[in-house]
Amino acid sequence: MTEMEEEEIDLREYINVLLKRKGIIILIFLIAVITAAIVSYFVLTPIYQSSASFKVNTEYMKQPYYYPSSS
């Protein structure tokens, strides 16, 4: 056999390795999430920002607010 045939990659092997190590994968994920939450809550200063914009329709504003009554 050639060297290429001996190193054939099987997807089932990767899945089996991930399933065997799922505990450590979950542990690393939880440590990362908890660390990010702690840094976000205790270390970072919150920055509050807002913006607003409005558009005035000038065509509508040319109409009078009231119509004079005839007396």
Protein backbone atom coordinates (compact mmCIF):
# COMPACT_ATOMS: atom_id res chain seq x y z
CA MET A 1 0.00 0.00 0.00
CA THR A 2 1.08 3.52 -0.59
CA GLU A 3 1.35 6.09 2.11
CA MET A 4 -1.72 7.93 0.81
CA GLU A 5 -3.96 4.89 1.24
CA GLU A 6 -2.85 4.36 4.84
CA GLU A 7 -3.80 7.91 5.82
CA GLU A 8 -7.34 7.76 4.48
CA ILE A 9 -9.63 9.98 6.53
CA ASP A 10 -12.92 8.56 7.73
CA LEU A 11 -15.64 10.93 8.89
CA ARG A 12 -16.93 8.36 11.38
CA GLU A 13 -13.58 8.44 13.17
CA TYR A 14 -13.85 12.20 13.63
CA ILE A 15 -17.40 11.90 14.91
CA ASN A 16 -16.35 9.16 17.34
CA VAL A 17 -13.50 11.31 18.66
CA LEU A 18 -15.87 14.25 19.15
CA LEU A 19 -18.39 12.04 20.94
CA LYS A 20 -15.69 10.58 23.19
CA ARG A 21 -14.44 14.06 24.07
CA LYS A 22 -17.83 15.79 24.28
CA GLY A 23 -17.38 16.39 28.02
CA ILE A 24 -14.20 18.39 27.56
CA ILE A 25 -15.67 20.22 24.55
CA ILE A 26 -18.70 21.28 26.61
CA LEU A 27 -16.44 22.25 29.53
CA ILE A 28 -14.25 24.48 27.34
CA PHE A 29 -17.36 26.06 25.80
CA LEU A 30 -18.87 26.79 29.23
CA ILE A 31 -15.61 28.25 30.53
CA ALA A 32 -15.46 30.58 27.51
CA VAL A 33 -19.08 31.67 27.94
CA ILE A 34 -18.71 32.26 31.69
CA THR A 35 -15.46 34.19 31.18
CA ALA A 36 -17.09 36.39 28.54
CA ALA A 37 -20.07 37.03 30.82
CA ILE A 38 -17.85 37.97 33.76
CA VAL A 39 -15.72 40.31 31.66
CA SER A 40 -18.82 41.86 30.13
CA TYR A 41 -20.55 42.39 33.48
CA PHE A 42 -17.68 43.43 35.77
CA VAL A 43 -14.92 44.85 33.58
CA LEU A 44 -16.45 46.66 30.63
CA THR A 45 -18.02 50.06 31.16
CA PRO A 46 -21.47 50.23 29.61
CA ILE A 47 -21.85 52.75 26.81
CA TYR A 48 -25.35 53.98 26.17
CA GLN A 49 -26.03 55.56 22.82
CA SER A 50 -29.15 56.57 21.01
CA SER A 51 -30.01 58.44 17.90
CA ALA A 52 -33.17 59.81 16.39
CA SER A 53 -34.11 61.42 13.15
CA PHE A 54 -37.31 62.80 11.79
CA LYS A 55 -38.44 64.09 8.47
CA VAL A 56 -40.82 67.00 8.12
CA ASN A 57 -43.11 66.82 5.14
CA THR A 58 -43.14 70.41 3.86
CA GLU A 59 -45.99 69.82 1.42
CA TYR A 60 -48.28 68.98 4.29
CA MET A 61 -47.17 72.06 6.27
CA LYS A 62 -48.33 74.47 3.53
CA GLN A 63 -51.95 73.71 4.33
CA PRO A 64 -53.57 75.99 6.93
CA TYR A 65 -54.21 74.64 10.41
CA TYR A 66 -57.79 75.90 10.33
CA TYR A 67 -60.25 76.99 7.74
CA PRO A 68 -61.87 80.35 8.44
CA SER A 69 -65.61 80.22 8.77
CA SER A 70 -67.76 82.65 6.86
CA SER A 71 -69.73 85.04 9.05
